[in-house]
């Protein structure tokens, strides 16, 4: 039996995308031999109370700029085209139809979300259809019966909320890809509302 391509999905608000996200994706590619990582910005996460601060189109454009130099990276606006909130199982069902049965699918998520998986909708469907790539700073994820998981250490200090705070305060951001920083400046994103 031929095994198809290894494809990972990396969802999130990406408000904005930063070097920490890119480092995690690169580690996943290197450690698991992924052919592709598809970044999927969500319109609104069911796990976050607030809507993203940047508009959908701006978050999508920043992602496109951030991944330009990575041949393994792609971005999809699938969740941005749908009514919120965004549910991972629905997105995976869509991509599984698009990619076919032979593709080996993975989902990149943080240690905090791995710990909250029981609150996700249709989590059994995800467990049947993909492997999890769990990113944590040092803690190993507890195994879950029926779930296949790989652990990746992610120690990058970048934080989207800290980046937004620094922009509001007029400070520089070393955690942003250059083209993303330029885009934020040109569009005047995350500045204080006067």
C-alpha atoms as a PDB file:
ATOM      1  CA  UNK A   1       0.000   0.000   0.000  1.00  0.00           C
ATOM      2  CA  UNK A   2       1.404   3.403  -0.983  1.00  0.00           C
ATOM      3  CA  UNK A   3       1.444   6.027   1.693  1.00  0.00           C
ATOM      4  CA  UNK A   4       0.457   9.489   0.521  1.00  0.00           C
ATOM      5  CA  UNK A   5       1.956  12.805   1.489  1.00  0.00           C
ATOM      6  CA  UNK A   6       2.318  13.842   5.139  1.00  0.00           C
ATOM      7  CA  UNK A   7       0.313  17.026   5.600  1.00  0.00           C
ATOM      8  CA  UNK A   8      -0.143  18.994   8.809  1.00  0.00           C
ATOM      9  CA  UNK A   9      -2.754  21.609   9.637  1.00  0.00           C
ATOM     10  CA  UNK A  10      -1.865  24.531  11.863  1.00  0.00           C
ATOM     11  CA  UNK A  11      -4.924  26.499  12.915  1.00  0.00           C
ATOM     12  CA  UNK A  12      -5.193  29.609  15.030  1.00  0.00           C
ATOM     13  CA  UNK A  13      -6.100  33.257  15.076  1.00  0.00           C
ATOM     14  CA  UNK A  14      -2.597  34.315  13.924  1.00  0.00           C
ATOM     15  CA  UNK A  15      -3.272  37.817  15.231  1.00  0.00           C
ATOM     16  CA  UNK A  16      -0.519  38.321  14.065  1.00  0.00           C
ATOM     17  CA  UNK A  17       1.560  35.373  12.863  1.00  0.00           C
ATOM     18  CA  UNK A  18       5.031  35.520  14.419  1.00  0.00           C
ATOM     19  CA  UNK A  19       8.426  33.788  14.450  1.00  0.00           C
ATOM     20  CA  UNK A  20       7.265  31.368  17.155  1.00  0.00           C
ATOM     21  CA  UNK A  21       4.559  29.947  14.838  1.00  0.00           C
ATOM     22  CA  UNK A  22       7.061  29.550  12.018  1.00  0.00           C
ATOM     23  CA  UNK A  23       9.635  27.879  14.266  1.00  0.00           C
ATOM     24  CA  UNK A  24       7.050  25.330  15.467  1.00  0.00           C
ATOM     25  CA  UNK A  25       6.032  24.514  11.889  1.00  0.00           C
ATOM     26  CA  UNK A  26       9.679  24.149  10.787  1.00  0.00           C
ATOM     27  CA  UNK A  27      10.387  21.789  13.707  1.00  0.00           C
ATOM     28  CA  UNK A  28       7.337  19.692  12.765  1.00  0.00           C
ATOM     29  CA  UNK A  29       8.553  19.487   9.142  1.00  0.00           C
ATOM     30  CA  UNK A  30      12.069  18.513  10.223  1.00  0.00           C
ATOM     31  CA  UNK A  31      11.135  16.002  12.922  1.00  0.00           C
ATOM     32  CA  UNK A  32       8.220  14.261  11.208  1.00  0.00           C
ATOM     33  CA  UNK A  33       9.184  14.571   7.538  1.00  0.00           C
ATOM     34  CA  UNK A  34       6.094  16.591   6.614  1.00  0.00           C
ATOM     35  CA  UNK A  35       5.671  17.570   2.986  1.00  0.00           C
ATOM     36  CA  UNK A  36       3.337  20.452   3.772  1.00  0.00           C
ATOM     37  CA  UNK A  37       2.019  22.560   6.625  1.00  0.00           C
ATOM     38  CA  UNK A  38      -1.248  24.345   5.869  1.00  0.00           C
ATOM     39  CA  UNK A  39      -1.835  27.399   8.061  1.00  0.00           C
ATOM     40  CA  UNK A  40      -5.550  27.950   8.636  1.00  0.00           C
ATOM     41  CA  UNK A  41      -6.574  31.238  10.246  1.00  0.00           C
ATOM     42  CA  UNK A  42      -9.926  30.885  11.996  1.00  0.00           C
ATOM     43  CA  UNK A  43     -12.626  33.538  11.960  1.00  0.00           C
ATOM     44  CA  UNK A  44     -13.312  33.009  15.628  1.00  0.00           C
ATOM     45  CA  UNK A  45     -12.065  30.254  17.888  1.00  0.00           C
ATOM     46  CA  UNK A  46     -14.697  28.540  20.067  1.00  0.00           C
ATOM     47  CA  UNK A  47     -11.971  28.439  22.756  1.00  0.00           C
ATOM     48  CA  UNK A  48     -11.315  32.197  22.870  1.00  0.00           C
ATOM     49  CA  UNK A  49     -13.874  34.691  24.197  1.00  0.00           C
ATOM     50  CA  UNK A  50     -12.718  37.644  22.077  1.00  0.00           C
ATOM     51  CA  UNK A  51     -12.721  38.102  18.328  1.00  0.00           C
ATOM     52  CA  UNK A  52      -9.342  38.682  16.650  1.00  0.00           C
ATOM     53  CA  UNK A  53      -8.217  42.327  16.643  1.00  0.00           C
ATOM     54  CA  UNK A  54      -7.056  42.426  13.014  1.00  0.00           C
ATOM     55  CA  UNK A  55      -9.534  41.926  10.174  1.00  0.00           C
ATOM     56  CA  UNK A  56      -9.713  38.496   8.541  1.00  0.00           C
ATOM     57  CA  UNK A  57      -8.214  39.775   5.283  1.00  0.00           C
ATOM     58  CA  UNK A  58      -5.257  41.327   7.125  1.00  0.00           C
ATOM     59  CA  UNK A  59      -4.510  38.160   9.105  1.00  0.00           C
ATOM     60  CA  UNK A  60      -4.696  36.153   5.866  1.00  0.00           C
ATOM     61  CA  UNK A  61      -2.368  38.574   4.027  1.00  0.00           C
ATOM     62  CA  UNK A  62       0.141  38.541   6.904  1.00  0.00           C
ATOM     63  CA  UNK A  63       0.210  34.738   6.776  1.00  0.00           C
ATOM     64  CA  UNK A  64       0.869  34.775   3.031  1.00  0.00           C
ATOM     65  CA  UNK A  65       3.778  37.186   3.534  1.00  0.00           C
ATOM     66  CA  UNK A  66       5.210  35.185   6.445  1.00  0.00           C
ATOM     67  CA  UNK A  67       5.328  31.854   4.589  1.00  0.00           C
ATOM     68  CA  UNK A  68       6.674  33.085   1.223  1.00  0.00           C
ATOM     69  CA  UNK A  69      10.166  31.661   1.710  1.00  0.00           C
ATOM     70  CA  UNK A  70       9.058  28.262   3.038  1.00  0.00           C
ATOM     71  CA  UNK A  71       8.459  25.782   0.183  1.00  0.00           C
ATOM     72  CA  UNK A  72       6.564  23.441   2.522  1.00  0.00           C
ATOM     73  CA  UNK A  73       4.084  26.083   3.718  1.00  0.00           C
ATOM     74  CA  UNK A  74       0.621  26.997   2.435  1.00  0.00           C
ATOM     75  CA  UNK A  75      -2.267  29.051   3.779  1.00  0.00           C
ATOM     76  CA  UNK A  76      -5.996  28.365   3.406  1.00  0.00           C
ATOM     77  CA  UNK A  77      -8.900  30.762   3.898  1.00  0.00           C
ATOM     78  CA  UNK A  78     -11.362  27.860   4.323  1.00  0.00           C
ATOM     79  CA  UNK A  79     -12.404  28.849   7.853  1.00  0.00           C
ATOM     80  CA  UNK A  80     -12.482  32.559   7.010  1.00  0.00           C
ATOM     81  CA  UNK A  81     -15.135  31.817   4.358  1.00  0.00           C
ATOM     82  CA  UNK A  82     -17.429  30.034   6.820  1.00  0.00           C
ATOM     83  CA  UNK A  83     -19.684  31.288   9.587  1.00  0.00           C
ATOM     84  CA  UNK A  84     -17.938  31.355  12.985  1.00  0.00           C
ATOM     85  CA  UNK A  85     -17.037  29.693  15.225  1.00  0.00           C
ATOM     86  CA  UNK A  86     -14.472  27.475  13.483  1.00  0.00           C
ATOM     87  CA  UNK A  87     -14.535  23.807  14.420  1.00  0.00           C
ATOM     88  CA  UNK A  88     -11.460  21.709  13.669  1.00  0.00           C
ATOM     89  CA  UNK A  89     -13.369  18.512  12.931  1.00  0.00           C
ATOM     90  CA  UNK A  90     -15.334  20.275  10.180  1.00  0.00           C
ATOM     91  CA  UNK A  91     -12.174  21.664   8.615  1.00  0.00           C
ATOM     92  CA  UNK A  92     -10.418  18.285   8.697  1.00  0.00           C
ATOM     93  CA  UNK A  93     -13.463  16.592   7.119  1.00  0.00           C
ATOM     94  CA  UNK A  94     -13.311  19.112   4.252  1.00  0.00           C
ATOM     95  CA  UNK A  95      -9.564  18.668   3.659  1.00  0.00           C
ATOM     96  CA  UNK A  96      -9.758  14.880   3.909  1.00  0.00           C
ATOM     97  CA  UNK A  97     -12.211  14.932   0.983  1.00  0.00           C
ATOM     98  CA  UNK A  98      -9.897  17.273  -0.959  1.00  0.00           C
ATOM     99  CA  UNK A  99      -6.661  15.360  -0.300  1.00  0.00           C
ATOM    100  CA  UNK A 100      -7.938  11.800  -0.564  1.00  0.00           C
ATOM    101  CA  UNK A 101      -7.640   8.792   1.703  1.00  0.00           C
ATOM    102  CA  UNK A 102      -3.933   8.151   1.135  1.00  0.00           C
ATOM    103  CA  UNK A 103      -2.695  11.408   2.725  1.00  0.00           C
ATOM    104  CA  UNK A 104      -1.324  11.092   6.260  1.00  0.00           C
ATOM    105  CA  UNK A 105      -2.861  13.992   8.194  1.00  0.00           C
ATOM    106  CA  UNK A 106      -1.493  15.743  11.283  1.00  0.00           C
ATOM    107  CA  UNK A 107      -2.751  18.562  13.490  1.00  0.00           C
ATOM    108  CA  UNK A 108      -0.364  20.963  15.232  1.00  0.00           C
ATOM    109  CA  UNK A 109      -1.646  22.226  18.559  1.00  0.00           C
ATOM    110  CA  UNK A 110      -0.336  23.590  21.836  1.00  0.00           C
ATOM    111  CA  UNK A 111       0.025  21.647  25.065  1.00  0.00           C
ATOM    112  CA  UNK A 112      -2.846  23.680  26.561  1.00  0.00           C
ATOM    113  CA  UNK A 113      -5.248  22.545  23.820  1.00  0.00           C
ATOM    114  CA  UNK A 114      -4.068  18.932  24.105  1.00  0.00           C
ATOM    115  CA  UNK A 115      -5.073  19.090  27.768  1.00  0.00           C
ATOM    116  CA  UNK A 116      -8.535  20.463  26.801  1.00  0.00           C
ATOM    117  CA  UNK A 117      -9.287  18.042  23.965  1.00  0.00           C
ATOM    118  CA  UNK A 118     -12.234  16.550  25.831  1.00  0.00           C
ATOM    119  CA  UNK A 119     -14.060  19.878  25.360  1.00  0.00           C
ATOM    120  CA  UNK A 120     -13.609  19.820  21.554  1.00  0.00           C
ATOM    121  CA  UNK A 121     -16.497  18.852  19.301  1.00  0.00           C
ATOM    122  CA  UNK A 122     -16.273  15.458  17.541  1.00  0.00           C
ATOM    123  CA  UNK A 123     -12.838  14.736  18.975  1.00  0.00           C
ATOM    124  CA  UNK A 124     -13.240  11.002  18.249  1.00  0.00           C
ATOM    125  CA  UNK A 125     -13.520  11.821  14.536  1.00  0.00           C
ATOM    126  CA  UNK A 126     -10.210  13.695  14.732  1.00  0.00           C
ATOM    127  CA  UNK A 127      -8.538  10.835  16.602  1.00  0.00           C
ATOM    128  CA  UNK A 128      -9.598   8.421  13.829  1.00  0.00           C
ATOM    129  CA  UNK A 129      -8.409  10.645  10.987  1.00  0.00           C
ATOM    130  CA  UNK A 130      -5.150  12.257  12.040  1.00  0.00           C
ATOM    131  CA  UNK A 131      -2.129  12.304  14.321  1.00  0.00           C
ATOM    132  CA  UNK A 132      -1.532  15.120  16.789  1.00  0.00           C
ATOM    133  CA  UNK A 133       1.657  17.178  16.982  1.00  0.00           C
ATOM    134  CA  UNK A 134       1.684  18.614  20.497  1.00  0.00           C
ATOM    135  CA  UNK A 135       3.904  21.624  21.165  1.00  0.00           C
ATOM    136  CA  UNK A 136       5.001  22.333  24.716  1.00  0.00           C
ATOM    137  CA  UNK A 137       7.810  24.125  26.485  1.00  0.00           C
ATOM    138  CA  UNK A 138       9.083  21.147  28.448  1.00  0.00           C
ATOM    139  CA  UNK A 139       6.146  19.116  29.713  1.00  0.00           C
ATOM    140  CA  UNK A 140       5.512  15.846  27.904  1.00  0.00           C
ATOM    141  CA  UNK A 141       1.859  15.372  26.966  1.00  0.00           C
ATOM    142  CA  UNK A 142       0.052  12.602  28.777  1.00  0.00           C
ATOM    143  CA  UNK A 143      -0.828   9.809  26.331  1.00  0.00           C
ATOM    144  CA  UNK A 144      -4.522   9.422  25.491  1.00  0.00           C
ATOM    145  CA  UNK A 145      -6.013   6.092  24.588  1.00  0.00           C
ATOM    146  CA  UNK A 146      -6.944   6.011  20.901  1.00  0.00           C
ATOM    147  CA  UNK A 147      -4.902   9.125  20.050  1.00  0.00           C
ATOM    148  CA  UNK A 148      -1.575   9.110  18.216  1.00  0.00           C
ATOM    149  CA  UNK A 149       0.593  12.039  19.331  1.00  0.00           C
ATOM    150  CA  UNK A 150       4.101  13.375  18.736  1.00  0.00           C
ATOM    151  CA  UNK A 151       5.721  15.891  21.084  1.00  0.00           C
ATOM    152  CA  UNK A 152       7.717  18.896  19.854  1.00  0.00           C
ATOM    153  CA  UNK A 153       9.474  21.238  22.222  1.00  0.00           C
ATOM    154  CA  UNK A 154       8.677  24.871  21.506  1.00  0.00           C
ATOM    155  CA  UNK A 155      10.625  27.429  23.513  1.00  0.00           C
ATOM    156  CA  UNK A 156      10.244  30.527  21.355  1.00  0.00           C
ATOM    157  CA  UNK A 157       9.315  33.510  23.563  1.00  0.00           C
ATOM    158  CA  UNK A 158       6.982  35.136  20.994  1.00  0.00           C
ATOM    159  CA  UNK A 159       3.429  35.912  22.039  1.00  0.00           C
ATOM    160  CA  UNK A 160       0.790  37.555  19.833  1.00  0.00           C
ATOM    161  CA  UNK A 161      -0.718  39.447  22.775  1.00  0.00           C
ATOM    162  CA  UNK A 162       2.723  40.774  23.783  1.00  0.00           C
ATOM    163  CA  UNK A 163       3.410  41.775  20.161  1.00  0.00           C
ATOM    164  CA  UNK A 164       0.118  43.718  20.020  1.00  0.00           C
ATOM    165  CA  UNK A 165       0.952  45.388  23.345  1.00  0.00           C
ATOM    166  CA  UNK A 166       4.398  46.431  22.080  1.00  0.00           C
ATOM    167  CA  UNK A 167       2.868  47.911  18.921  1.00  0.00           C
ATOM    168  CA  UNK A 168       0.350  49.908  20.994  1.00  0.00           C
ATOM    169  CA  UNK A 169       3.256  51.219  23.082  1.00  0.00           C
ATOM    170  CA  UNK A 170       5.325  52.112  20.011  1.00  0.00           C
ATOM    171  CA  UNK A 171       8.066  49.561  20.796  1.00  0.00           C
ATOM    172  CA  UNK A 172       9.904  47.404  18.257  1.00  0.00           C
ATOM    173  CA  UNK A 173       9.063  43.765  17.652  1.00  0.00           C
ATOM    174  CA  UNK A 174      11.883  41.339  16.972  1.00  0.00           C
ATOM    175  CA  UNK A 175       9.387  38.452  16.866  1.00  0.00           C
ATOM    176  CA  UNK A 176       7.725  39.449  13.579  1.00  0.00           C
ATOM    177  CA  UNK A 177       8.865  38.416  10.107  1.00  0.00           C
ATOM    178  CA  UNK A 178      10.110  41.574   8.345  1.00  0.00           C
ATOM    179  CA  UNK A 179       7.367  41.651   5.712  1.00  0.00           C
ATOM    180  CA  UNK A 180       4.691  41.158   8.386  1.00  0.00           C
ATOM    181  CA  UNK A 181       6.123  44.036  10.447  1.00  0.00           C
ATOM    182  CA  UNK A 182       6.080  46.256   7.335  1.00  0.00           C
ATOM    183  CA  UNK A 183       2.483  45.259   6.542  1.00  0.00           C
ATOM    184  CA  UNK A 184       1.366  46.020  10.113  1.00  0.00           C
ATOM    185  CA  UNK A 185       3.019  49.437   9.891  1.00  0.00           C
ATOM    186  CA  UNK A 186       1.513  50.254   6.490  1.00  0.00           C
ATOM    187  CA  UNK A 187      -1.972  49.191   7.582  1.00  0.00           C
ATOM    188  CA  UNK A 188      -1.587  50.744  11.043  1.00  0.00           C
ATOM    189  CA  UNK A 189      -2.754  47.517  12.697  1.00  0.00           C
ATOM    190  CA  UNK A 190      -2.945  47.111  16.488  1.00  0.00           C
ATOM    191  CA  UNK A 191      -2.329  50.813  17.150  1.00  0.00           C
ATOM    192  CA  UNK A 192      -4.299  52.487  19.950  1.00  0.00           C
ATOM    193  CA  UNK A 193      -7.705  53.727  18.877  1.00  0.00           C
ATOM    194  CA  UNK A 194      -7.668  57.503  19.187  1.00  0.00           C
END
